[in-house]
Amino acid sequence: MAAWYSWIVLLHLSCAIVFVGAAAFEVLVLEALHKRFDVTTMRQLEEAVMARVRRFMPVVVLLLFISGGMLFDLRCNGLTCIGTTRFGWFLLLKVTLAFGVLGVFINAVWAGARGRMNACRFRYTHRIVLAMMVGIVFLAKTMFYL
């Protein structure tokens, strides 16, 4: 392995924590506030949160995918491990889910830029991303131990 493998892992895990944490916050905390505050207050709160998230999340996602690609290349030696071992199958599933998350993320950014991100789409987008990210975290841990 490369001498800087540990640094890539650290960067990848840090970005994953931020990304999963943001999705978890939006689903588990922000959605629950709808019951406590009126529609106008919630709209202002969500707009403020999303304005902040839009400033750093694209960089986090970019670094997450770059570091993930580097780790994939280092651990799998190109594509040689795909389909040959349990690790390879889990890694393939993890990468597939990651690209699914990327697709949903890009779609959400696109919808937001076009003014088509309504409250229902906002809520379901974050729920879908959180579910896929939980799957990725599960696969990331089990691929080394099963």
N, C-alpha and C. Protein backbone atom coordinates (compact mmCIF):
# COMPACT_ATOMS: atom_id res chain seq x y z
N MET A 1 0.84 -1.19 0.00
CA MET A 1 0.00 0.00 0.00
C MET A 1 0.88 1.25 0.00
N ALA A 2 0.30 2.29 -0.49
CA ALA A 2 1.03 3.55 -0.57
C ALA A 2 1.29 4.10 0.84
N ALA A 3 2.34 4.88 0.95
CA ALA A 3 2.71 5.46 2.24
C ALA A 3 1.64 6.42 2.75
N TRP A 4 0.86 6.98 1.85
CA TRP A 4 -0.16 7.95 2.25
C TRP A 4 -1.55 7.33 2.32
N TYR A 5 -1.63 6.01 2.33
CA TYR A 5 -2.91 5.29 2.42
C TYR A 5 -3.70 5.73 3.66
N SER A 6 -3.05 5.82 4.80
CA SER A 6 -3.74 6.21 6.04
C SER A 6 -4.35 7.60 5.95
N TRP A 7 -3.68 8.51 5.26
CA TRP A 7 -4.21 9.87 5.09
C TRP A 7 -5.43 9.88 4.18
N ILE A 8 -5.41 9.04 3.16
CA ILE A 8 -6.56 8.94 2.26
C ILE A 8 -7.75 8.36 3.02
N VAL A 9 -7.51 7.33 3.82
CA VAL A 9 -8.58 6.74 4.63
C VAL A 9 -9.15 7.79 5.58
N LEU A 10 -8.29 8.55 6.23
CA LEU A 10 -8.74 9.59 7.16
C LEU A 10 -9.60 10.64 6.45
N LEU A 11 -9.15 11.08 5.28
CA LEU A 11 -9.92 12.06 4.50
C LEU A 11 -11.27 11.46 4.10
N HIS A 12 -11.25 10.22 3.62
CA HIS A 12 -12.48 9.57 3.17
C HIS A 12 -13.47 9.40 4.33
N LEU A 13 -13.00 8.95 5.46
CA LEU A 13 -13.87 8.77 6.62
C LEU A 13 -14.40 10.11 7.14
N SER A 14 -13.57 11.13 7.14
CA SER A 14 -14.01 12.46 7.59
C SER A 14 -15.12 13.00 6.70
N CYS A 15 -14.93 12.88 5.40
CA CYS A 15 -15.96 13.34 4.46
C CYS A 15 -17.24 12.51 4.60
N ALA A 16 -17.09 11.21 4.79
CA ALA A 16 -18.26 10.35 4.96
C ALA A 16 -19.03 10.72 6.23
N ILE A 17 -18.31 11.01 7.30
CA ILE A 17 -18.96 11.41 8.55
C ILE A 17 -19.75 12.70 8.36
N VAL A 18 -19.16 13.67 7.69
CA VAL A 18 -19.85 14.95 7.44
C VAL A 18 -21.10 14.72 6.59
N PHE A 19 -20.94 13.93 5.52
CA PHE A 19 -22.06 13.70 4.59
C PHE A 19 -23.19 12.92 5.26
N VAL A 20 -22.87 11.82 5.92
CA VAL A 20 -23.89 11.02 6.59
C VAL A 20 -24.49 11.82 7.75
N GLY A 21 -23.66 12.56 8.46
CA GLY A 21 -24.15 13.37 9.58
C GLY A 21 -25.13 14.43 9.12
N ALA A 22 -24.84 15.08 7.99
CA ALA A 22 -25.74 16.10 7.47
C ALA A 22 -27.08 15.47 7.07
N ALA A 23 -27.02 14.33 6.39
CA ALA A 23 -28.26 13.66 5.99
C ALA A 23 -29.05 13.21 7.23
N ALA A 24 -28.36 12.67 8.22
CA ALA A 24 -29.03 12.23 9.45
C ALA A 24 -29.66 13.42 10.17
N PHE A 25 -28.94 14.53 10.24
CA PHE A 25 -29.48 15.73 10.89
C PHE A 25 -30.75 16.19 10.19
N GLU A 26 -30.72 16.22 8.87
CA GLU A 26 -31.88 16.69 8.13
C GLU A 26 -33.08 15.77 8.31
N VAL A 27 -32.85 14.46 8.34
CA VAL A 27 -33.95 13.51 8.47
C VAL A 27 -34.43 13.40 9.91
N LEU A 28 -33.50 13.25 10.85
CA LEU A 28 -33.88 12.95 12.23
C LEU A 28 -34.20 14.19 13.07
N VAL A 29 -33.58 15.32 12.75
CA VAL A 29 -33.78 16.52 13.56
C VAL A 29 -34.66 17.54 12.84
N LEU A 30 -34.25 17.93 11.65
CA LEU A 30 -34.96 19.00 10.94
C LEU A 30 -36.41 18.62 10.65
N GLU A 31 -36.63 17.38 10.21
CA GLU A 31 -38.01 16.95 9.92
C GLU A 31 -38.88 16.96 11.17
N ALA A 32 -38.32 16.63 12.31
CA ALA A 32 -39.10 16.60 13.55
C ALA A 32 -39.54 18.00 13.97
N LEU A 33 -38.82 19.02 13.54
CA LEU A 33 -39.16 20.39 13.91
C LEU A 33 -40.42 20.89 13.22
N HIS A 34 -40.84 20.22 12.16
CA HIS A 34 -42.06 20.62 11.46
C HIS A 34 -43.28 20.57 12.37
N LYS A 35 -43.24 19.71 13.36
CA LYS A 35 -44.37 19.58 14.28
C LYS A 35 -44.38 20.70 15.31
N ARG A 36 -43.25 21.36 15.50
CA ARG A 36 -43.14 22.36 16.57
C ARG A 36 -43.25 23.79 16.07
N PHE A 37 -42.95 24.02 14.78
CA PHE A 37 -42.92 25.39 14.26
C PHE A 37 -43.88 25.54 13.09
N ASP A 38 -44.29 26.78 12.85
CA ASP A 38 -45.20 27.04 11.74
C ASP A 38 -44.45 26.94 10.40
N VAL A 39 -45.20 26.91 9.32
CA VAL A 39 -44.66 26.69 7.98
C VAL A 39 -43.65 27.77 7.60
N THR A 40 -43.94 29.01 7.92
CA THR A 40 -43.04 30.11 7.56
C THR A 40 -41.70 29.99 8.29
N THR A 41 -41.75 29.71 9.56
CA THR A 41 -40.53 29.55 10.35
C THR A 41 -39.70 28.38 9.83
N MET A 42 -40.36 27.27 9.55
CA MET A 42 -39.65 26.10 9.04
C MET A 42 -39.03 26.37 7.68
N ARG A 43 -39.75 27.08 6.83
CA ARG A 43 -39.20 27.41 5.51
C ARG A 43 -37.93 28.25 5.67
N GLN A 44 -37.98 29.23 6.58
CA GLN A 44 -36.80 30.07 6.82
C GLN A 44 -35.65 29.26 7.40
N LEU A 45 -35.96 28.37 8.32
CA LEU A 45 -34.93 27.53 8.93
C LEU A 45 -34.30 26.60 7.89
N GLU A 46 -35.13 25.95 7.09
CA GLU A 46 -34.61 25.04 6.06
C GLU A 46 -33.79 25.80 5.02
N GLU A 47 -34.24 26.98 4.65
CA GLU A 47 -33.48 27.79 3.68
C GLU A 47 -32.12 28.18 4.26
N ALA A 48 -32.09 28.53 5.54
CA ALA A 48 -30.83 28.90 6.18
C ALA A 48 -29.88 27.70 6.26
N VAL A 49 -30.42 26.55 6.64
CA VAL A 49 -29.60 25.34 6.73
C VAL A 49 -29.07 24.97 5.35
N MET A 50 -29.95 24.97 4.36
CA MET A 50 -29.53 24.58 3.01
C MET A 50 -28.54 25.58 2.41
N ALA A 51 -28.68 26.85 2.71
CA ALA A 51 -27.71 27.83 2.22
C ALA A 51 -26.32 27.53 2.77
N ARG A 52 -26.27 27.16 4.02
CA ARG A 52 -24.99 26.81 4.64
C ARG A 52 -24.43 25.51 4.06
N VAL A 53 -25.28 24.52 3.92
CA VAL A 53 -24.86 23.23 3.39
C VAL A 53 -24.36 23.36 1.96
N ARG A 54 -25.04 24.18 1.16
CA ARG A 54 -24.63 24.37 -0.24
C ARG A 54 -23.23 24.95 -0.37
N ARG A 55 -22.75 25.60 0.66
CA ARG A 55 -21.42 26.21 0.60
C ARG A 55 -20.30 25.20 0.73
N PHE A 56 -20.51 24.12 1.50
CA PHE A 56 -19.40 23.19 1.72
C PHE A 56 -19.67 21.76 1.22
N MET A 57 -20.93 21.37 1.08
CA MET A 57 -21.22 19.97 0.74
C MET A 57 -20.69 19.55 -0.63
N PRO A 58 -20.73 20.38 -1.66
CA PRO A 58 -20.14 19.94 -2.93
C PRO A 58 -18.65 19.59 -2.80
N VAL A 59 -17.91 20.34 -1.99
CA VAL A 59 -16.49 20.04 -1.78
C VAL A 59 -16.34 18.73 -1.01
N VAL A 60 -17.18 18.52 -0.01
CA VAL A 60 -17.14 17.29 0.78
C VAL A 60 -17.42 16.09 -0.12
N VAL A 61 -18.45 16.19 -0.96
CA VAL A 61 -18.80 15.08 -1.86
C VAL A 61 -17.68 14.84 -2.86
N LEU A 62 -17.11 15.89 -3.41
CA LEU A 62 -16.00 15.74 -4.35
C LEU A 62 -14.82 15.03 -3.70
N LEU A 63 -14.42 15.48 -2.52
CA LEU A 63 -13.31 14.84 -1.80
C LEU A 63 -13.64 13.40 -1.41
N LEU A 64 -14.89 13.15 -1.06
CA LEU A 64 -15.33 11.80 -0.71
C LEU A 64 -15.16 10.86 -1.91
N PHE A 65 -15.56 11.30 -3.08
CA PHE A 65 -15.46 10.45 -4.26
C PHE A 65 -14.03 10.33 -4.76
N ILE A 66 -13.26 11.38 -4.69
CA ILE A 66 -11.85 11.29 -5.10
C ILE A 66 -11.10 10.33 -4.19
N SER A 67 -11.26 10.51 -2.88
CA SER A 67 -10.57 9.62 -1.94
C SER A 67 -11.09 8.19 -2.06
N GLY A 68 -12.39 8.03 -2.28
CA GLY A 68 -12.95 6.69 -2.48
C GLY A 68 -12.39 6.02 -3.72
N GLY A 69 -12.24 6.78 -4.79
CA GLY A 69 -11.64 6.24 -6.01
C GLY A 69 -10.20 5.82 -5.80
N MET A 70 -9.46 6.63 -5.06
CA MET A 70 -8.07 6.28 -4.76
C MET A 70 -8.00 5.02 -3.91
N LEU A 71 -8.86 4.93 -2.90
CA LEU A 71 -8.87 3.73 -2.05
C LEU A 71 -9.29 2.50 -2.84
N PHE A 72 -10.25 2.67 -3.71
CA PHE A 72 -10.68 1.57 -4.56
C PHE A 72 -9.51 1.05 -5.38
N ASP A 73 -8.77 1.96 -6.00
CA ASP A 73 -7.63 1.57 -6.82
C ASP A 73 -6.54 0.88 -5.99
N LEU A 74 -6.28 1.41 -4.81
CA LEU A 74 -5.25 0.82 -3.95
C LEU A 74 -5.65 -0.55 -3.41
N ARG A 75 -6.89 -0.69 -2.95
CA ARG A 75 -7.35 -1.95 -2.33
C ARG A 75 -7.64 -3.03 -3.37
N CYS A 76 -8.12 -2.60 -4.53
CA CYS A 76 -8.59 -3.57 -5.52
C CYS A 76 -7.60 -3.75 -6.67
N ASN A 77 -6.53 -2.97 -6.66
CA ASN A 77 -5.52 -3.06 -7.73
C ASN A 77 -6.19 -2.94 -9.09
N GLY A 78 -6.82 -1.79 -9.29
CA GLY A 78 -7.60 -1.58 -10.51
C GLY A 78 -8.96 -2.19 -10.34
N LEU A 79 -9.28 -3.20 -11.16
CA LEU A 79 -10.57 -3.89 -11.07
C LEU A 79 -10.42 -5.38 -10.78
N THR A 80 -9.22 -5.79 -10.39
CA THR A 80 -8.94 -7.23 -10.27
C THR A 80 -9.73 -7.94 -9.18
N CYS A 81 -10.14 -7.26 -8.14
CA CYS A 81 -10.85 -7.95 -7.05
C CYS A 81 -12.36 -8.02 -7.27
N ILE A 82 -12.88 -7.27 -8.24
CA ILE A 82 -14.32 -7.24 -8.46
C ILE A 82 -14.82 -8.60 -8.95
N GLY A 83 -15.77 -9.14 -8.22
CA GLY A 83 -16.39 -10.39 -8.61
C GLY A 83 -15.61 -11.65 -8.29
N THR A 84 -14.43 -11.52 -7.70
CA THR A 84 -13.63 -12.71 -7.42
C THR A 84 -13.66 -13.11 -5.96
N THR A 85 -13.93 -12.18 -5.08
CA THR A 85 -13.96 -12.46 -3.65
C THR A 85 -15.20 -11.81 -3.04
N ARG A 86 -15.52 -12.20 -1.81
CA ARG A 86 -16.62 -11.56 -1.10
C ARG A 86 -16.32 -10.07 -0.93
N PHE A 87 -15.07 -9.75 -0.61
CA PHE A 87 -14.66 -8.35 -0.50
C PHE A 87 -14.97 -7.61 -1.80
N GLY A 88 -14.64 -8.20 -2.92
CA GLY A 88 -14.88 -7.58 -4.22
C GLY A 88 -16.35 -7.35 -4.51
N TRP A 89 -17.19 -8.33 -4.16
CA TRP A 89 -18.63 -8.19 -4.37
C TRP A 89 -19.20 -7.08 -3.47
N PHE A 90 -18.79 -7.07 -2.21
CA PHE A 90 -19.26 -6.02 -1.30
C PHE A 90 -18.78 -4.64 -1.77
N LEU A 91 -17.55 -4.58 -2.24
CA LEU A 91 -17.01 -3.32 -2.75
C LEU A 91 -17.79 -2.85 -3.97
N LEU A 92 -18.13 -3.76 -4.86
CA LEU A 92 -18.91 -3.41 -6.04
C LEU A 92 -20.29 -2.88 -5.63
N LEU A 93 -20.92 -3.53 -4.67
CA LEU A 93 -22.22 -3.07 -4.19
C LEU A 93 -22.10 -1.70 -3.52
N LYS A 94 -21.04 -1.51 -2.75
CA LYS A 94 -20.80 -0.23 -2.08
C LYS A 94 -20.60 0.88 -3.11
N VAL A 95 -19.83 0.63 -4.14
CA VAL A 95 -19.59 1.62 -5.19
C VAL A 95 -20.89 1.93 -5.94
N THR A 96 -21.69 0.89 -6.19
CA THR A 96 -22.97 1.10 -6.87
C THR A 96 -23.88 2.00 -6.04
N LEU A 97 -23.95 1.73 -4.74
CA LEU A 97 -24.75 2.60 -3.85
C LEU A 97 -24.19 4.01 -3.82
N ALA A 98 -22.87 4.14 -3.80
CA ALA A 98 -22.24 5.46 -3.76
C ALA A 98 -22.60 6.26 -5.01
N PHE A 99 -22.59 5.62 -6.17
CA PHE A 99 -22.98 6.33 -7.39
C PHE A 99 -24.47 6.63 -7.41
N GLY A 100 -25.27 5.78 -6.74
CA GLY A 100 -26.69 6.09 -6.57
C GLY A 100 -26.88 7.34 -5.72
N VAL A 101 -26.11 7.44 -4.64
CA VAL A 101 -26.15 8.63 -3.79
C VAL A 101 -25.72 9.86 -4.59
N LEU A 102 -24.66 9.71 -5.37
CA LEU A 102 -24.19 10.83 -6.20
C LEU A 102 -25.27 11.27 -7.17
N GLY A 103 -25.96 10.31 -7.78
CA GLY A 103 -27.04 10.65 -8.70
C GLY A 103 -28.16 11.41 -8.01
N VAL A 104 -28.56 10.96 -6.83
CA VAL A 104 -29.61 11.65 -6.07
C VAL A 104 -29.13 13.04 -5.66
N PHE A 105 -27.87 13.15 -5.23
CA PHE A 105 -27.30 14.43 -4.82
C PHE A 105 -27.29 15.42 -5.99
N ILE A 106 -26.83 14.97 -7.15
CA ILE A 106 -26.78 15.84 -8.33
C ILE A 106 -28.20 16.25 -8.73
N ASN A 107 -29.13 15.29 -8.68
CA ASN A 107 -30.52 15.60 -9.01
C ASN A 107 -31.09 16.64 -8.06
N ALA A 108 -30.77 16.53 -6.78
CA ALA A 108 -31.27 17.50 -5.79
C ALA A 108 -30.66 18.88 -6.02
N VAL A 109 -29.37 18.93 -6.32
CA VAL A 109 -28.72 20.21 -6.61
C VAL A 109 -29.35 20.84 -7.85
N TRP A 110 -29.57 20.03 -8.86
CA TRP A 110 -30.17 20.49 -10.11
C TRP A 110 -31.59 21.03 -9.85
N ALA A 111 -32.38 20.27 -9.08
CA ALA A 111 -33.74 20.70 -8.77
C ALA A 111 -33.74 22.00 -7.96
N GLY A 112 -32.81 22.10 -7.02
CA GLY A 112 -32.71 23.32 -6.22
C GLY A 112 -32.34 24.52 -7.06
N ALA A 113 -31.43 24.33 -7.99
CA ALA A 113 -31.01 25.44 -8.86
C ALA A 113 -32.13 25.87 -9.79
N ARG A 114 -32.99 24.96 -10.15
CA ARG A 114 -34.12 25.25 -11.05
C ARG A 114 -35.38 25.68 -10.30
N GLY A 115 -35.31 25.72 -8.97
CA GLY A 115 -36.47 26.12 -8.17
C GLY A 115 -37.54 25.04 -8.08
N ARG A 116 -37.16 23.80 -8.27
CA ARG A 116 -38.12 22.70 -8.26
C ARG A 116 -38.02 21.83 -7.01
N MET A 117 -37.27 22.28 -6.03
CA MET A 117 -37.11 21.51 -4.79
C MET A 117 -38.19 21.95 -3.81
N ASN A 118 -39.27 21.18 -3.73
CA ASN A 118 -40.32 21.50 -2.77
C ASN A 118 -40.09 20.71 -1.49
N ALA A 119 -40.92 20.93 -0.49
CA ALA A 119 -40.73 20.31 0.82
C ALA A 119 -40.80 18.78 0.74
N CYS A 120 -41.72 18.27 -0.06
CA CYS A 120 -41.87 16.81 -0.17
C CYS A 120 -40.64 16.19 -0.83
N ARG A 121 -40.17 16.79 -1.90
CA ARG A 121 -38.98 16.29 -2.59
C ARG A 121 -37.75 16.40 -1.69
N PHE A 122 -37.66 17.49 -0.95
CA PHE A 122 -36.57 17.71 -0.01
C PHE A 122 -36.52 16.58 1.02
N ARG A 123 -37.69 16.28 1.59
CA ARG A 123 -37.79 15.26 2.64
C ARG A 123 -37.42 13.88 2.10
N TYR A 124 -37.99 13.49 0.98
CA TYR A 124 -37.73 12.15 0.45
C TYR A 124 -36.32 12.00 -0.11
N THR A 125 -35.77 13.06 -0.65
CA THR A 125 -34.39 13.01 -1.13
C THR A 125 -33.45 12.69 0.02
N HIS A 126 -33.63 13.37 1.14
CA HIS A 126 -32.75 13.13 2.28
C HIS A 126 -32.96 11.76 2.91
N ARG A 127 -34.18 11.29 2.91
CA ARG A 127 -34.45 9.95 3.44
C ARG A 127 -33.79 8.87 2.57
N ILE A 128 -33.89 9.04 1.26
CA ILE A 128 -33.28 8.08 0.33
C ILE A 128 -31.77 8.08 0.49
N VAL A 129 -31.19 9.28 0.53
CA VAL A 129 -29.73 9.39 0.69
C VAL A 129 -29.29 8.77 2.01
N LEU A 130 -29.99 9.04 3.08
CA LEU A 130 -29.62 8.48 4.38
C LEU A 130 -29.69 6.96 4.35
N ALA A 131 -30.74 6.40 3.77
CA ALA A 131 -30.87 4.93 3.70
C ALA A 131 -29.71 4.33 2.90
N MET A 132 -29.38 4.94 1.76
CA MET A 132 -28.26 4.42 0.96
C MET A 132 -26.93 4.57 1.69
N MET A 133 -26.76 5.67 2.41
CA MET A 133 -25.52 5.89 3.14
C MET A 133 -25.39 4.90 4.30
N VAL A 134 -26.47 4.56 4.95
CA VAL A 134 -26.42 3.54 6.00
C VAL A 134 -26.00 2.20 5.38
N GLY A 135 -26.52 1.90 4.19
CA GLY A 135 -26.10 0.70 3.48
C GLY A 135 -24.62 0.72 3.14
N ILE A 136 -24.12 1.85 2.72
CA ILE A 136 -22.70 1.98 2.39
C ILE A 136 -21.83 1.78 3.63
N VAL A 137 -22.23 2.39 4.73
CA VAL A 137 -21.47 2.24 5.98
C VAL A 137 -21.48 0.77 6.42
N PHE A 138 -22.64 0.13 6.33
CA PHE A 138 -22.74 -1.28 6.68
C PHE A 138 -21.79 -2.13 5.81
N LEU A 139 -21.83 -1.89 4.50
CA LEU A 139 -20.96 -2.64 3.59
C LEU A 139 -19.49 -2.33 3.85
N ALA A 140 -19.18 -1.07 4.16
CA ALA A 140 -17.79 -0.69 4.40
C ALA A 140 -17.20 -1.46 5.59
N LYS A 141 -18.02 -1.70 6.58
CA LYS A 141 -17.53 -2.45 7.74
C LYS A 141 -17.56 -3.95 7.49
N THR A 142 -18.61 -4.47 6.88
CA THR A 142 -18.71 -5.91 6.71
C THR A 142 -17.77 -6.46 5.64
N MET A 143 -17.38 -5.66 4.68
CA MET A 143 -16.53 -6.19 3.62
C MET A 143 -15.16 -6.60 4.15
N PHE A 144 -14.76 -6.07 5.27
CA PHE A 144 -13.47 -6.46 5.86
C PHE A 144 -13.60 -7.61 6.86
N TYR A 145 -14.83 -7.88 7.35
CA TYR A 145 -14.97 -8.84 8.43
C TYR A 145 -15.84 -10.05 8.11
N LEU A 146 -16.52 -10.07 6.98
CA LEU A 146 -17.34 -11.25 6.62
C LEU A 146 -16.68 -12.04 5.52
